[in-house]
C-alpha atoms as a PDB file:
ATOM      1  CA  UNK A   1       5.300   6.047  27.450  1.00  0.00           C
ATOM      2  CA  UNK A   2       2.149   8.130  27.253  1.00  0.00           C
ATOM      3  CA  UNK A   3       2.957   8.953  23.646  1.00  0.00           C
ATOM      4  CA  UNK A   4       3.455   5.288  22.851  1.00  0.00           C
ATOM      5  CA  UNK A   5       0.087   4.466  24.403  1.00  0.00           C
ATOM      6  CA  UNK A   6      -1.582   7.273  22.465  1.00  0.00           C
ATOM      7  CA  UNK A   7       0.047   6.045  19.275  1.00  0.00           C
ATOM      8  CA  UNK A   8      -1.098   2.483  19.949  1.00  0.00           C
ATOM      9  CA  UNK A   9      -4.646   3.699  20.629  1.00  0.00           C
ATOM     10  CA  UNK A  10      -4.635   5.762  17.442  1.00  0.00           C
ATOM     11  CA  UNK A  11      -3.490   2.729  15.449  1.00  0.00           C
ATOM     12  CA  UNK A  12      -6.209   0.572  16.979  1.00  0.00           C
ATOM     13  CA  UNK A  13      -8.832   3.202  16.159  1.00  0.00           C
ATOM     14  CA  UNK A  14      -7.521   3.452  12.603  1.00  0.00           C
ATOM     15  CA  UNK A  15      -7.685  -0.331  12.239  1.00  0.00           C
ATOM     16  CA  UNK A  16     -11.229  -0.426  13.615  1.00  0.00           C
ATOM     17  CA  UNK A  17     -12.317   2.346  11.242  1.00  0.00           C
ATOM     18  CA  UNK A  18     -10.757   0.563   8.274  1.00  0.00           C
ATOM     19  CA  UNK A  19     -12.512  -2.682   9.176  1.00  0.00           C
ATOM     20  CA  UNK A  20     -15.832  -0.895   9.622  1.00  0.00           C
ATOM     21  CA  UNK A  21     -15.441   0.792   6.246  1.00  0.00           C
ATOM     22  CA  UNK A  22     -14.595  -2.524   4.584  1.00  0.00           C
ATOM     23  CA  UNK A  23     -17.705  -4.092   6.085  1.00  0.00           C
ATOM     24  CA  UNK A  24     -19.801  -1.145   4.917  1.00  0.00           C
ATOM     25  CA  UNK A  25     -18.327  -1.415   1.419  1.00  0.00           C
ATOM     26  CA  UNK A  26     -19.103  -5.129   1.327  1.00  0.00           C
ATOM     27  CA  UNK A  27     -22.667  -4.487   2.483  1.00  0.00           C
ATOM     28  CA  UNK A  28     -23.140  -1.801  -0.165  1.00  0.00           C
ATOM     29  CA  UNK A  29     -21.683  -4.048  -2.848  1.00  0.00           C
ATOM     30  CA  UNK A  30     -24.121  -6.798  -1.876  1.00  0.00           C
ATOM     31  CA  UNK A  31     -26.984  -4.323  -1.953  1.00  0.00           C
ATOM     32  CA  UNK A  32     -25.919  -3.224  -5.424  1.00  0.00           C
ATOM     33  CA  UNK A  33     -25.113   0.332  -4.351  1.00  0.00           C
ATOM     34  CA  UNK A  34     -22.132   2.067  -5.919  1.00  0.00           C
ATOM     35  CA  UNK A  35     -19.057   2.645  -3.798  1.00  0.00           C
ATOM     36  CA  UNK A  36     -18.410   6.159  -2.516  1.00  0.00           C
ATOM     37  CA  UNK A  37     -15.312   8.047  -3.553  1.00  0.00           C
ATOM     38  CA  UNK A  38     -13.700   7.543  -0.131  1.00  0.00           C
ATOM     39  CA  UNK A  39     -14.212   3.787  -0.330  1.00  0.00           C
ATOM     40  CA  UNK A  40     -12.803   3.698  -3.844  1.00  0.00           C
ATOM     41  CA  UNK A  41      -9.741   5.614  -2.651  1.00  0.00           C
ATOM     42  CA  UNK A  42      -9.118   3.048   0.071  1.00  0.00           C
ATOM     43  CA  UNK A  43      -9.149   0.300  -2.540  1.00  0.00           C
ATOM     44  CA  UNK A  44      -6.753   2.284  -4.738  1.00  0.00           C
ATOM     45  CA  UNK A  45      -3.160   1.319  -3.855  1.00  0.00           C
ATOM     46  CA  UNK A  46      -1.779   4.722  -4.874  1.00  0.00           C
ATOM     47  CA  UNK A  47      -4.277   6.571  -2.666  1.00  0.00           C
ATOM     48  CA  UNK A  48      -3.471   4.248   0.232  1.00  0.00           C
ATOM     49  CA  UNK A  49       0.247   4.849  -0.392  1.00  0.00           C
ATOM     50  CA  UNK A  50      -0.333   8.598  -0.162  1.00  0.00           C
ATOM     51  CA  UNK A  51      -2.144   8.101   3.147  1.00  0.00           C
ATOM     52  CA  UNK A  52       0.640   5.927   4.560  1.00  0.00           C
ATOM     53  CA  UNK A  53       3.496   8.350   3.818  1.00  0.00           C
ATOM     54  CA  UNK A  54       2.633  10.864   6.611  1.00  0.00           C
ATOM     55  CA  UNK A  55       2.257   7.968   9.056  1.00  0.00           C
ATOM     56  CA  UNK A  56       5.623   6.609   7.941  1.00  0.00           C
ATOM     57  CA  UNK A  57       7.218  10.030   8.434  1.00  0.00           C
ATOM     58  CA  UNK A  58       5.768  10.347  11.958  1.00  0.00           C
ATOM     59  CA  UNK A  59       6.879   6.831  12.810  1.00  0.00           C
ATOM     60  CA  UNK A  60      10.420   7.569  11.631  1.00  0.00           C
ATOM     61  CA  UNK A  61      10.521  10.777  13.678  1.00  0.00           C
ATOM     62  CA  UNK A  62       9.323   8.880  16.745  1.00  0.00           C
ATOM     63  CA  UNK A  63      11.908   6.153  16.122  1.00  0.00           C
ATOM     64  CA  UNK A  64      14.754   8.676  15.884  1.00  0.00           C
ATOM     65  CA  UNK A  65      13.565  10.513  19.017  1.00  0.00           C
ATOM     66  CA  UNK A  66      13.474   7.282  21.037  1.00  0.00           C
ATOM     67  CA  UNK A  67      16.889   6.259  19.699  1.00  0.00           C
ATOM     68  CA  UNK A  68      18.321   9.634  20.744  1.00  0.00           C
ATOM     69  CA  UNK A  69      16.813   9.333  24.222  1.00  0.00           C
ATOM     70  CA  UNK A  70      18.172   5.812  24.663  1.00  0.00           C
ATOM     71  CA  UNK A  71      21.608   6.860  23.424  1.00  0.00           C
ATOM     72  CA  UNK A  72      21.658   9.838  25.767  1.00  0.00           C
ATOM     73  CA  UNK A  73      20.656   7.730  28.755  1.00  0.00           C
ATOM     74  CA  UNK A  74      23.221   5.034  27.927  1.00  0.00           C
ATOM     75  CA  UNK A  75      25.925   7.690  27.546  1.00  0.00           C
ATOM     76  CA  UNK A  76      25.218   9.115  31.002  1.00  0.00           C
ATOM     77  CA  UNK A  77      25.306   5.618  32.491  1.00  0.00           C
ATOM     78  CA  UNK A  78      28.590   4.818  30.689  1.00  0.00           C
ATOM     79  CA  UNK A  79      30.144   8.034  31.996  1.00  0.00           C
ATOM     80  CA  UNK A  80      29.349   6.969  35.536  1.00  0.00           C
ATOM     81  CA  UNK A  81      26.847   9.720  36.111  1.00  0.00           C
ATOM     82  CA  UNK A  82      23.628   9.086  37.880  1.00  0.00           C
ATOM     83  CA  UNK A  83      20.749   8.653  35.467  1.00  0.00           C
ATOM     84  CA  UNK A  84      17.473  10.344  36.180  1.00  0.00           C
ATOM     85  CA  UNK A  85      15.599   7.004  35.995  1.00  0.00           C
ATOM     86  CA  UNK A  86      13.047   8.305  33.532  1.00  0.00           C
ATOM     87  CA  UNK A  87      11.010   5.725  31.742  1.00  0.00           C
ATOM     88  CA  UNK A  88      12.576   5.285  28.323  1.00  0.00           C
ATOM     89  CA  UNK A  89      10.405   4.006  25.522  1.00  0.00           C
ATOM     90  CA  UNK A  90      11.371   0.747  23.940  1.00  0.00           C
ATOM     91  CA  UNK A  91      13.275   1.137  20.713  1.00  0.00           C
ATOM     92  CA  UNK A  92      12.318  -2.295  19.411  1.00  0.00           C
ATOM     93  CA  UNK A  93       8.589  -1.528  19.515  1.00  0.00           C
ATOM     94  CA  UNK A  94       9.091   1.704  17.597  1.00  0.00           C
ATOM     95  CA  UNK A  95      11.281  -0.075  15.082  1.00  0.00           C
ATOM     96  CA  UNK A  96       8.653  -2.794  14.688  1.00  0.00           C
ATOM     97  CA  UNK A  97       5.984  -0.154  14.031  1.00  0.00           C
ATOM     98  CA  UNK A  98       8.197   1.551  11.445  1.00  0.00           C
ATOM     99  CA  UNK A  99       8.887  -1.742   9.662  1.00  0.00           C
ATOM    100  CA  UNK A 100       5.170  -2.593   9.666  1.00  0.00           C
ATOM    101  CA  UNK A 101       4.412   0.693   7.918  1.00  0.00           C
ATOM    102  CA  UNK A 102       7.264   0.064   5.462  1.00  0.00           C
ATOM    103  CA  UNK A 103       5.762  -3.339   4.675  1.00  0.00           C
ATOM    104  CA  UNK A 104       2.360  -1.744   4.030  1.00  0.00           C
ATOM    105  CA  UNK A 105       3.943   0.839   1.718  1.00  0.00           C
ATOM    106  CA  UNK A 106       5.793  -1.921  -0.129  1.00  0.00           C
ATOM    107  CA  UNK A 107       2.576  -3.905  -0.583  1.00  0.00           C
ATOM    108  CA  UNK A 108       0.763  -0.841  -1.916  1.00  0.00           C
ATOM    109  CA  UNK A 109       3.533  -0.164  -4.410  1.00  0.00           C
ATOM    110  CA  UNK A 110       3.651  -3.802  -5.538  1.00  0.00           C
ATOM    111  CA  UNK A 111      -0.118  -3.839  -5.950  1.00  0.00           C
ATOM    112  CA  UNK A 112      -0.022  -0.596  -7.945  1.00  0.00           C
ATOM    113  CA  UNK A 113       2.695  -2.050 -10.165  1.00  0.00           C
ATOM    114  CA  UNK A 114       0.692  -5.244 -10.674  1.00  0.00           C
ATOM    115  CA  UNK A 115      -2.417  -3.228 -11.589  1.00  0.00           C
ATOM    116  CA  UNK A 116      -0.398  -1.214 -14.081  1.00  0.00           C
ATOM    117  CA  UNK A 117       1.095  -4.373 -15.587  1.00  0.00           C
ATOM    118  CA  UNK A 118      -2.334  -5.943 -15.954  1.00  0.00           C
ATOM    119  CA  UNK A 119      -3.687  -2.790 -17.540  1.00  0.00           C
ATOM    120  CA  UNK A 120      -0.827  -2.692 -20.044  1.00  0.00           C
ATOM    121  CA  UNK A 121      -1.225  -6.397 -20.843  1.00  0.00           C
ATOM    122  CA  UNK A 122      -4.965  -5.963 -21.216  1.00  0.00           C
ATOM    123  CA  UNK A 123      -4.545  -3.076 -23.635  1.00  0.00           C
ATOM    124  CA  UNK A 124      -1.939  -5.051 -25.554  1.00  0.00           C
ATOM    125  CA  UNK A 125      -3.899  -8.301 -25.877  1.00  0.00           C
ATOM    126  CA  UNK A 126      -7.432  -6.930 -26.029  1.00  0.00           C
ATOM    127  CA  UNK A 127      -7.283  -3.552 -27.764  1.00  0.00           C
ATOM    128  CA  UNK A 128     -11.007  -3.478 -28.557  1.00  0.00           C
ATOM    129  CA  UNK A 129     -13.114  -1.910 -25.833  1.00  0.00           C
ATOM    130  CA  UNK A 130     -15.914  -3.708 -24.058  1.00  0.00           C
ATOM    131  CA  UNK A 131     -18.624  -1.346 -22.790  1.00  0.00           C
ATOM    132  CA  UNK A 132     -19.206  -1.585 -19.063  1.00  0.00           C
ATOM    133  CA  UNK A 133     -22.386  -1.077 -17.108  1.00  0.00           C
ATOM    134  CA  UNK A 134     -20.823   1.818 -15.209  1.00  0.00           C
ATOM    135  CA  UNK A 135     -19.711   3.627 -18.374  1.00  0.00           C
ATOM    136  CA  UNK A 136     -22.266   2.960 -21.097  1.00  0.00           C
ATOM    137  CA  UNK A 137     -21.220   6.156 -22.902  1.00  0.00           C
ATOM    138  CA  UNK A 138     -17.946   4.503 -23.973  1.00  0.00           C
ATOM    139  CA  UNK A 139     -19.717   2.317 -26.533  1.00  0.00           C
ATOM    140  CA  UNK A 140     -17.987   2.660 -29.868  1.00  0.00           C
ATOM    141  CA  UNK A 141     -18.627   1.174 -33.281  1.00  0.00           C
ATOM    142  CA  UNK A 142     -15.766  -1.324 -32.966  1.00  0.00           C
ATOM    143  CA  UNK A 143     -16.679  -2.360 -29.407  1.00  0.00           C
ATOM    144  CA  UNK A 144     -17.232  -6.021 -28.635  1.00  0.00           C
ATOM    145  CA  UNK A 145     -20.359  -7.351 -27.045  1.00  0.00           C
ATOM    146  CA  UNK A 146     -19.866  -9.214 -23.788  1.00  0.00           C
ATOM    147  CA  UNK A 147     -20.471 -12.586 -25.435  1.00  0.00           C
ATOM    148  CA  UNK A 148     -17.902 -11.778 -28.143  1.00  0.00           C
ATOM    149  CA  UNK A 149     -15.488 -10.721 -25.420  1.00  0.00           C
ATOM    150  CA  UNK A 150     -16.004 -14.020 -23.570  1.00  0.00           C
ATOM    151  CA  UNK A 151     -15.374 -16.053 -26.701  1.00  0.00           C
ATOM    152  CA  UNK A 152     -12.191 -14.071 -27.390  1.00  0.00           C
ATOM    153  CA  UNK A 153     -10.962 -14.698 -23.834  1.00  0.00           C
ATOM    154  CA  UNK A 154     -11.776 -18.413 -24.121  1.00  0.00           C
ATOM    155  CA  UNK A 155      -9.774 -18.639 -27.328  1.00  0.00           C
ATOM    156  CA  UNK A 156      -6.848 -16.817 -25.689  1.00  0.00           C
ATOM    157  CA  UNK A 157      -6.956 -19.215 -22.753  1.00  0.00           C
ATOM    158  CA  UNK A 158      -7.085 -22.263 -25.004  1.00  0.00           C
ATOM    159  CA  UNK A 159      -4.022 -21.007 -26.915  1.00  0.00           C
ATOM    160  CA  UNK A 160      -2.066 -20.411 -23.716  1.00  0.00           C
END
């Protein structure tokens, strides 16, 4: 039970840290400051996926340990032996935690796939680069100006 409480506290701390970092990122974005590498990694679905995998592994190990303890206790009770009345952690809570992490992993993978699909579609339908403010060195001779880019997008939308 102590481990479950520690795990719950760790999750709450992680959630609080994530919320604080999101607020800081929003404040920096409003102030016009660039995002730090750590904040960019949290927005990246692949980086978030890589961070979730160790948590998923730990959650699965905890789930299997609790299942083994419950099975062992139920076996001793079924055999008519006296159980040692130790507090057994709840399997359903551990399973719920594992499924929650699985859902987060699934969302990260879907988001990464969607980003990849959009990138491929963008390269396919708009092969000419548009220079960005963050990468002005990518300006090429065949690059479009922003106004040309907007008119191209408007024409694509009107055709759709």
